Amino acid sequence: MIVSGVDGLGWTPYLDPDQGKANPHIVTVTLEMPADTLAGTQCTLQANATSESDPSLVRAPAGVTVRATQFHEFQVNIVGPDERTGYVGMTVDFQMRILNRGNGPDTFRIFATWDQEVLPGWFARPMPAEIIIEPFSNDTITYTVQLPMNA
């Protein structure tokens, strides 16, 4: 059996018929999906089989489809110094960068939390509190901290 294949995305199909002829109807298909493939991308492989003893004997092609699933990976960093000073009653802003290293768009919800027993009267909020970041991209939010009058 001679096997050939066509892969529409160039993911280098590797077709391996059972060379020992123990089970000549089984073909292993390996597609190498690039690391930067976006979620939902699909690749179809059309495999053709031809008889080695009678090249005129060709069977209808068989096809397989592989679809990239979404993986989630992200990182959050403070842009600039992570400590600031400010006067009582004033606000201090921090910039936070969120990097979406996943292969699909992702929604990030940011919450301000602090120990209100230790820091009563303080107020903090992220803007925006929810952000959608495209795959392999980043965006920045502002994190505002209000210093209380009794700080």
N, C-alpha and C. Protein backbone atom coordinates (compact mmCIF):
# COMPACT_ATOMS: atom_id res chain seq x y z
N MET A 1 0.85 -1.17 0.00
CA MET A 1 0.00 0.00 0.00
C MET A 1 0.89 1.23 0.00
N ILE A 2 0.61 2.15 -0.87
CA ILE A 2 1.30 3.43 -0.92
C ILE A 2 0.32 4.46 -0.38
N VAL A 3 0.76 5.26 0.56
CA VAL A 3 -0.11 6.25 1.16
C VAL A 3 0.48 7.62 0.94
N SER A 4 -0.34 8.56 0.50
CA SER A 4 0.08 9.95 0.36
C SER A 4 -0.99 10.81 1.01
N GLY A 5 -0.63 12.03 1.36
CA GLY A 5 -1.61 12.88 2.03
C GLY A 5 -1.43 14.33 1.68
N VAL A 6 -2.50 15.07 1.80
CA VAL A 6 -2.49 16.50 1.56
C VAL A 6 -3.02 17.18 2.81
N ASP A 7 -2.26 18.14 3.31
CA ASP A 7 -2.63 18.87 4.52
C ASP A 7 -2.77 20.33 4.14
N GLY A 8 -3.97 20.88 4.28
CA GLY A 8 -4.24 22.24 3.83
C GLY A 8 -3.51 23.34 4.57
N LEU A 9 -3.01 23.10 5.78
CA LEU A 9 -2.35 24.15 6.55
C LEU A 9 -0.83 24.02 6.59
N GLY A 10 -0.30 22.98 5.99
CA GLY A 10 1.15 22.81 6.02
C GLY A 10 1.66 22.35 7.38
N TRP A 11 0.85 21.60 8.10
CA TRP A 11 1.25 21.10 9.42
C TRP A 11 2.08 19.82 9.30
N THR A 12 2.64 19.60 8.14
CA THR A 12 3.54 18.49 7.89
C THR A 12 2.93 17.14 8.28
N PRO A 13 1.99 16.65 7.49
CA PRO A 13 1.43 15.35 7.84
C PRO A 13 2.48 14.25 7.66
N TYR A 14 2.49 13.37 8.58
CA TYR A 14 3.40 12.23 8.51
C TYR A 14 2.53 10.99 8.54
N LEU A 15 2.53 10.25 7.43
CA LEU A 15 1.69 9.06 7.31
C LEU A 15 2.58 7.84 7.38
N ASP A 16 2.27 6.94 8.28
CA ASP A 16 3.12 5.78 8.50
C ASP A 16 2.30 4.50 8.37
N PRO A 17 2.23 3.92 7.14
CA PRO A 17 1.54 2.64 7.04
C PRO A 17 2.36 1.56 7.72
N ASP A 18 1.71 0.50 8.12
CA ASP A 18 2.38 -0.61 8.79
C ASP A 18 3.32 -1.30 7.81
N GLN A 19 4.61 -0.94 7.88
CA GLN A 19 5.59 -1.46 6.92
C GLN A 19 5.80 -2.96 7.06
N GLY A 20 5.59 -3.53 8.24
CA GLY A 20 5.76 -4.96 8.45
C GLY A 20 4.60 -5.78 7.90
N LYS A 21 3.58 -5.10 7.40
CA LYS A 21 2.41 -5.74 6.82
C LYS A 21 1.65 -6.62 7.82
N ALA A 22 1.91 -6.43 9.11
CA ALA A 22 1.18 -7.19 10.12
C ALA A 22 -0.30 -6.80 10.08
N ASN A 23 -0.55 -5.54 9.84
CA ASN A 23 -1.91 -5.04 9.74
C ASN A 23 -1.90 -3.92 8.71
N PRO A 24 -1.86 -4.26 7.42
CA PRO A 24 -1.61 -3.25 6.38
C PRO A 24 -2.72 -2.22 6.20
N HIS A 25 -3.81 -2.33 6.93
CA HIS A 25 -4.88 -1.36 6.76
C HIS A 25 -4.82 -0.24 7.79
N ILE A 26 -3.81 -0.26 8.65
CA ILE A 26 -3.68 0.77 9.68
C ILE A 26 -2.60 1.76 9.26
N VAL A 27 -2.93 3.03 9.31
CA VAL A 27 -1.99 4.10 8.99
C VAL A 27 -1.99 5.06 10.17
N THR A 28 -0.81 5.38 10.67
CA THR A 28 -0.69 6.35 11.75
C THR A 28 -0.49 7.74 11.14
N VAL A 29 -1.28 8.70 11.59
CA VAL A 29 -1.20 10.07 11.07
C VAL A 29 -0.68 10.96 12.19
N THR A 30 0.37 11.72 11.91
CA THR A 30 0.91 12.67 12.88
C THR A 30 0.91 14.05 12.25
N LEU A 31 0.26 15.01 12.92
CA LEU A 31 0.28 16.40 12.48
C LEU A 31 1.02 17.20 13.52
N GLU A 32 1.93 18.04 13.09
CA GLU A 32 2.68 18.89 14.00
C GLU A 32 2.03 20.27 14.02
N MET A 33 1.28 20.55 15.10
CA MET A 33 0.58 21.81 15.22
C MET A 33 1.53 22.87 15.76
N PRO A 34 1.71 24.00 15.05
CA PRO A 34 2.61 25.05 15.54
C PRO A 34 2.14 25.60 16.90
N ALA A 35 3.08 26.01 17.72
CA ALA A 35 2.78 26.50 19.07
C ALA A 35 1.89 27.73 19.07
N ASP A 36 1.93 28.54 18.02
CA ASP A 36 1.15 29.77 17.98
C ASP A 36 -0.18 29.60 17.24
N THR A 37 -0.66 28.38 17.11
CA THR A 37 -1.93 28.12 16.45
C THR A 37 -3.08 28.66 17.30
N LEU A 38 -3.96 29.44 16.69
CA LEU A 38 -5.08 30.02 17.42
C LEU A 38 -6.13 28.96 17.73
N ALA A 39 -6.79 29.14 18.87
CA ALA A 39 -7.86 28.22 19.28
C ALA A 39 -8.93 28.18 18.21
N GLY A 40 -9.44 26.99 17.94
CA GLY A 40 -10.50 26.83 16.95
C GLY A 40 -10.00 26.57 15.54
N THR A 41 -8.72 26.80 15.30
CA THR A 41 -8.17 26.52 13.97
C THR A 41 -8.29 25.03 13.70
N GLN A 42 -8.73 24.69 12.51
CA GLN A 42 -8.81 23.27 12.20
C GLN A 42 -8.05 22.97 10.93
N CYS A 43 -7.49 21.78 10.91
CA CYS A 43 -6.69 21.30 9.78
C CYS A 43 -7.30 19.98 9.32
N THR A 44 -7.52 19.87 8.03
CA THR A 44 -8.05 18.63 7.46
C THR A 44 -6.98 17.96 6.63
N LEU A 45 -6.80 16.69 6.86
CA LEU A 45 -5.82 15.89 6.12
C LEU A 45 -6.58 14.91 5.25
N GLN A 46 -6.27 14.92 3.99
CA GLN A 46 -6.86 13.98 3.04
C GLN A 46 -5.81 12.92 2.74
N ALA A 47 -6.06 11.67 3.10
CA ALA A 47 -5.12 10.58 2.87
C ALA A 47 -5.61 9.70 1.72
N ASN A 48 -4.70 9.38 0.82
CA ASN A 48 -5.02 8.55 -0.35
C ASN A 48 -4.24 7.25 -0.27
N ALA A 49 -4.86 6.14 -0.65
CA ALA A 49 -4.19 4.83 -0.64
C ALA A 49 -4.22 4.23 -2.04
N THR A 50 -3.08 3.71 -2.46
CA THR A 50 -2.93 3.06 -3.77
C THR A 50 -2.27 1.71 -3.57
N SER A 51 -2.74 0.71 -4.29
CA SER A 51 -2.16 -0.63 -4.20
C SER A 51 -0.76 -0.62 -4.79
N GLU A 52 0.20 -1.24 -4.09
CA GLU A 52 1.56 -1.35 -4.61
C GLU A 52 1.62 -2.33 -5.78
N SER A 53 0.84 -3.40 -5.72
CA SER A 53 0.89 -4.41 -6.77
C SER A 53 0.07 -4.03 -8.00
N ASP A 54 -0.95 -3.17 -7.81
CA ASP A 54 -1.78 -2.73 -8.94
C ASP A 54 -2.03 -1.23 -8.78
N PRO A 55 -1.13 -0.38 -9.33
CA PRO A 55 -1.26 1.07 -9.16
C PRO A 55 -2.58 1.65 -9.68
N SER A 56 -3.32 0.89 -10.47
CA SER A 56 -4.61 1.40 -10.94
C SER A 56 -5.69 1.25 -9.87
N LEU A 57 -5.37 0.49 -8.82
CA LEU A 57 -6.34 0.28 -7.73
C LEU A 57 -6.14 1.37 -6.68
N VAL A 58 -7.02 2.35 -6.71
CA VAL A 58 -6.96 3.49 -5.79
C VAL A 58 -8.29 3.53 -5.04
N ARG A 59 -8.23 3.69 -3.75
CA ARG A 59 -9.44 3.77 -2.93
C ARG A 59 -9.82 5.23 -2.70
N ALA A 60 -11.09 5.41 -2.39
CA ALA A 60 -11.56 6.77 -2.07
C ALA A 60 -10.75 7.31 -0.90
N PRO A 61 -10.40 8.59 -0.95
CA PRO A 61 -9.58 9.15 0.13
C PRO A 61 -10.31 9.14 1.47
N ALA A 62 -9.52 9.08 2.52
CA ALA A 62 -10.04 9.18 3.89
C ALA A 62 -9.56 10.50 4.46
N GLY A 63 -10.37 11.11 5.26
CA GLY A 63 -9.98 12.40 5.82
C GLY A 63 -10.08 12.43 7.33
N VAL A 64 -9.21 13.21 7.92
CA VAL A 64 -9.26 13.46 9.36
C VAL A 64 -9.18 14.96 9.57
N THR A 65 -9.81 15.43 10.62
CA THR A 65 -9.77 16.85 10.97
C THR A 65 -9.27 16.98 12.39
N VAL A 66 -8.33 17.90 12.58
CA VAL A 66 -7.78 18.20 13.90
C VAL A 66 -8.13 19.65 14.21
N ARG A 67 -8.66 19.89 15.40
CA ARG A 67 -9.04 21.25 15.81
C ARG A 67 -8.23 21.63 17.05
N ALA A 68 -7.64 22.81 17.01
CA ALA A 68 -6.84 23.30 18.15
C ALA A 68 -7.77 23.73 19.28
N THR A 69 -7.54 23.19 20.47
CA THR A 69 -8.30 23.60 21.64
C THR A 69 -7.64 24.83 22.26
N GLN A 70 -8.39 25.55 23.06
CA GLN A 70 -7.83 26.74 23.69
C GLN A 70 -7.09 26.37 24.96
N PHE A 71 -5.91 26.95 25.10
CA PHE A 71 -5.20 26.82 26.37
C PHE A 71 -5.09 28.21 26.98
N HIS A 72 -5.14 28.26 28.31
CA HIS A 72 -5.15 29.52 29.03
C HIS A 72 -3.82 29.68 29.76
N GLU A 73 -3.18 30.80 29.50
CA GLU A 73 -1.95 31.13 30.21
C GLU A 73 -1.84 32.65 30.23
N PHE A 74 -1.56 33.21 31.41
CA PHE A 74 -1.45 34.66 31.48
C PHE A 74 -0.46 35.05 32.56
N GLN A 75 -0.10 36.33 32.53
CA GLN A 75 0.84 36.87 33.51
C GLN A 75 0.40 38.30 33.82
N VAL A 76 0.55 38.71 35.08
CA VAL A 76 0.20 40.06 35.51
C VAL A 76 1.44 40.71 36.10
N ASN A 77 1.74 41.94 35.65
CA ASN A 77 2.91 42.68 36.15
C ASN A 77 2.50 44.11 36.49
N ILE A 78 3.14 44.67 37.50
CA ILE A 78 3.01 46.09 37.79
C ILE A 78 3.96 46.82 36.84
N VAL A 79 3.47 47.86 36.18
CA VAL A 79 4.32 48.66 35.30
C VAL A 79 4.93 49.75 36.17
N GLY A 80 6.23 49.77 36.28
CA GLY A 80 6.90 50.75 37.13
C GLY A 80 7.03 50.24 38.55
N PRO A 81 7.33 51.15 39.48
CA PRO A 81 7.54 50.72 40.87
C PRO A 81 6.26 50.17 41.50
N ASP A 82 6.43 49.18 42.38
CA ASP A 82 5.25 48.59 43.03
C ASP A 82 4.96 49.24 44.38
N GLU A 83 5.71 50.28 44.73
CA GLU A 83 5.43 51.08 45.93
C GLU A 83 5.37 52.54 45.53
N ARG A 84 4.36 53.23 46.05
CA ARG A 84 4.19 54.66 45.76
C ARG A 84 3.85 55.37 47.07
N THR A 85 4.06 56.65 47.10
CA THR A 85 3.67 57.46 48.26
C THR A 85 2.64 58.48 47.80
N GLY A 86 1.81 58.90 48.74
CA GLY A 86 0.80 59.89 48.43
C GLY A 86 0.34 60.58 49.70
N TYR A 87 -0.31 61.72 49.53
CA TYR A 87 -0.83 62.48 50.66
C TYR A 87 -2.18 61.92 51.07
N VAL A 88 -2.52 62.09 52.36
CA VAL A 88 -3.81 61.61 52.86
C VAL A 88 -4.94 62.25 52.05
N GLY A 89 -5.97 61.47 51.79
CA GLY A 89 -7.11 61.94 51.02
C GLY A 89 -6.89 61.93 49.51
N MET A 90 -5.68 61.67 49.08
CA MET A 90 -5.37 61.68 47.64
C MET A 90 -5.45 60.25 47.09
N THR A 91 -5.35 60.14 45.78
CA THR A 91 -5.32 58.83 45.15
C THR A 91 -3.94 58.59 44.54
N VAL A 92 -3.58 57.33 44.49
CA VAL A 92 -2.33 56.90 43.87
C VAL A 92 -2.70 55.84 42.83
N ASP A 93 -2.17 55.99 41.63
CA ASP A 93 -2.47 55.04 40.56
C ASP A 93 -1.29 54.12 40.28
N PHE A 94 -1.62 52.88 40.03
CA PHE A 94 -0.66 51.87 39.57
C PHE A 94 -1.13 51.39 38.21
N GLN A 95 -0.21 51.10 37.35
CA GLN A 95 -0.54 50.49 36.07
C GLN A 95 -0.22 49.00 36.16
N MET A 96 -1.16 48.18 35.74
CA MET A 96 -0.95 46.73 35.73
C MET A 96 -1.08 46.24 34.29
N ARG A 97 -0.11 45.47 33.85
CA ARG A 97 -0.15 44.90 32.50
C ARG A 97 -0.53 43.42 32.61
N ILE A 98 -1.51 43.03 31.82
CA ILE A 98 -1.93 41.63 31.76
C ILE A 98 -1.53 41.10 30.39
N LEU A 99 -0.75 40.04 30.40
CA LEU A 99 -0.32 39.40 29.16
C LEU A 99 -1.12 38.12 28.97
N ASN A 100 -1.84 38.03 27.87
CA ASN A 100 -2.56 36.80 27.54
C ASN A 100 -1.64 35.97 26.65
N ARG A 101 -1.05 34.95 27.24
CA ARG A 101 -0.15 34.08 26.49
C ARG A 101 -0.87 32.86 25.93
N GLY A 102 -2.19 32.82 26.13
CA GLY A 102 -2.98 31.71 25.60
C GLY A 102 -3.26 31.90 24.11
N ASN A 103 -3.84 30.89 23.49
CA ASN A 103 -4.07 30.93 22.05
C ASN A 103 -5.49 31.34 21.66
N GLY A 104 -6.24 31.88 22.62
CA GLY A 104 -7.59 32.37 22.34
C GLY A 104 -7.86 33.62 23.14
N PRO A 105 -8.88 34.40 22.74
CA PRO A 105 -9.22 35.58 23.52
C PRO A 105 -9.67 35.15 24.91
N ASP A 106 -9.38 35.99 25.90
CA ASP A 106 -9.74 35.63 27.27
C ASP A 106 -10.26 36.87 27.99
N THR A 107 -11.22 36.65 28.88
CA THR A 107 -11.79 37.73 29.68
C THR A 107 -11.16 37.68 31.06
N PHE A 108 -10.67 38.82 31.52
CA PHE A 108 -10.04 38.91 32.83
C PHE A 108 -10.88 39.86 33.69
N ARG A 109 -11.21 39.40 34.91
CA ARG A 109 -11.94 40.23 35.87
C ARG A 109 -10.98 40.53 37.02
N ILE A 110 -10.87 41.81 37.34
CA ILE A 110 -9.90 42.24 38.34
C ILE A 110 -10.67 42.76 39.55
N PHE A 111 -10.28 42.29 40.73
CA PHE A 111 -10.92 42.69 41.98
C PHE A 111 -9.89 43.33 42.90
N ALA A 112 -10.31 44.33 43.64
CA ALA A 112 -9.44 44.94 44.65
C ALA A 112 -9.75 44.29 45.99
N THR A 113 -8.73 43.75 46.62
CA THR A 113 -8.91 43.14 47.95
C THR A 113 -7.81 43.63 48.87
N TRP A 114 -8.14 43.84 50.10
CA TRP A 114 -7.17 44.21 51.13
C TRP A 114 -7.79 43.92 52.48
N ASP A 115 -6.97 43.87 53.49
CA ASP A 115 -7.42 43.58 54.85
C ASP A 115 -7.99 44.86 55.45
N GLN A 116 -9.33 44.96 55.49
CA GLN A 116 -9.97 46.19 55.95
C GLN A 116 -9.86 46.39 57.45
N GLU A 117 -9.52 45.34 58.19
CA GLU A 117 -9.28 45.52 59.62
C GLU A 117 -7.94 46.19 59.85
N VAL A 118 -6.96 45.85 59.05
CA VAL A 118 -5.63 46.45 59.18
C VAL A 118 -5.59 47.83 58.52
N LEU A 119 -6.32 47.99 57.41
CA LEU A 119 -6.31 49.26 56.66
C LEU A 119 -7.74 49.79 56.52
N PRO A 120 -8.39 50.19 57.64
CA PRO A 120 -9.75 50.71 57.53
C PRO A 120 -9.75 52.06 56.82
N GLY A 121 -10.78 52.29 56.02
CA GLY A 121 -10.92 53.57 55.33
C GLY A 121 -10.21 53.64 53.99
N TRP A 122 -9.40 52.67 53.68
CA TRP A 122 -8.73 52.65 52.38
C TRP A 122 -9.73 52.22 51.32
N PHE A 123 -9.50 52.67 50.09
CA PHE A 123 -10.36 52.28 48.98
C PHE A 123 -9.49 52.01 47.77
N ALA A 124 -9.81 50.96 47.05
CA ALA A 124 -9.05 50.63 45.84
C ALA A 124 -10.00 50.11 44.78
N ARG A 125 -9.69 50.42 43.52
CA ARG A 125 -10.52 49.91 42.43
C ARG A 125 -9.69 49.80 41.14
N PRO A 126 -9.95 48.76 40.38
CA PRO A 126 -9.32 48.62 39.07
C PRO A 126 -10.21 49.24 37.99
N MET A 127 -9.59 49.80 36.98
CA MET A 127 -10.33 50.36 35.84
C MET A 127 -9.64 49.94 34.56
N PRO A 128 -10.26 49.24 33.67
CA PRO A 128 -11.57 48.64 33.85
C PRO A 128 -11.49 47.42 34.76
N ALA A 129 -12.63 47.03 35.30
CA ALA A 129 -12.66 45.86 36.18
C ALA A 129 -12.77 44.56 35.39
N GLU A 130 -13.12 44.67 34.12
CA GLU A 130 -13.18 43.50 33.25
C GLU A 130 -12.61 43.89 31.90
N ILE A 131 -11.79 43.01 31.35
CA ILE A 131 -11.12 43.32 30.09
C ILE A 131 -10.97 42.04 29.26
N ILE A 132 -11.18 42.16 27.97
CA ILE A 132 -10.97 41.04 27.05
C ILE A 132 -9.66 41.30 26.32
N ILE A 133 -8.77 40.32 26.36
CA ILE A 133 -7.47 40.45 25.71
C ILE A 133 -7.34 39.35 24.66
N GLU A 134 -6.97 39.76 23.48
CA GLU A 134 -6.81 38.83 22.36
C GLU A 134 -5.62 37.90 22.62
N PRO A 135 -5.57 36.77 21.92
CA PRO A 135 -4.46 35.82 22.13
C PRO A 135 -3.10 36.43 21.80
N PHE A 136 -2.11 36.03 22.58
CA PHE A 136 -0.72 36.47 22.39
C PHE A 136 -0.61 37.99 22.41
N SER A 137 -1.46 38.65 23.22
CA SER A 137 -1.48 40.11 23.31
C SER A 137 -1.45 40.53 24.78
N ASN A 138 -1.40 41.84 25.00
CA ASN A 138 -1.45 42.35 26.37
C ASN A 138 -2.24 43.64 26.38
N ASP A 139 -2.65 44.03 27.58
CA ASP A 139 -3.34 45.30 27.78
C ASP A 139 -3.04 45.78 29.19
N THR A 140 -3.33 47.04 29.44
CA THR A 140 -3.00 47.65 30.72
C THR A 140 -4.26 48.17 31.39
N ILE A 141 -4.34 47.99 32.71
CA ILE A 141 -5.42 48.56 33.50
C ILE A 141 -4.80 49.51 34.53
N THR A 142 -5.63 50.39 35.05
CA THR A 142 -5.19 51.30 36.12
C THR A 142 -5.81 50.82 37.43
N TYR A 143 -4.98 50.73 38.43
CA TYR A 143 -5.41 50.30 39.77
C TYR A 143 -5.26 51.54 40.66
N THR A 144 -6.38 52.11 41.10
CA THR A 144 -6.38 53.34 41.88
C THR A 144 -6.58 53.03 43.36
N VAL A 145 -5.71 53.60 44.20
CA VAL A 145 -5.80 53.43 45.65
C VAL A 145 -6.05 54.80 46.27
N GLN A 146 -7.11 54.92 47.06
CA GLN A 146 -7.45 56.16 47.76
C GLN A 146 -6.93 56.07 49.19
N LEU A 147 -6.08 57.01 49.57
CA LEU A 147 -5.55 57.04 50.93
C LEU A 147 -6.57 57.75 51.83
N PRO A 148 -6.93 57.16 52.96
CA PRO A 148 -7.92 57.78 53.83
C PRO A 148 -7.34 59.01 54.54
N MET A 149 -8.22 59.84 55.06
CA MET A 149 -7.80 61.06 55.75
C MET A 149 -7.03 60.74 57.03
N ASN A 150 -7.24 59.54 57.60
CA ASN A 150 -6.57 59.19 58.86
C ASN A 150 -5.35 58.30 58.64
N ALA A 151 -4.84 58.25 57.41
CA ALA A 151 -3.69 57.36 57.12
C ALA A 151 -2.42 57.89 57.76
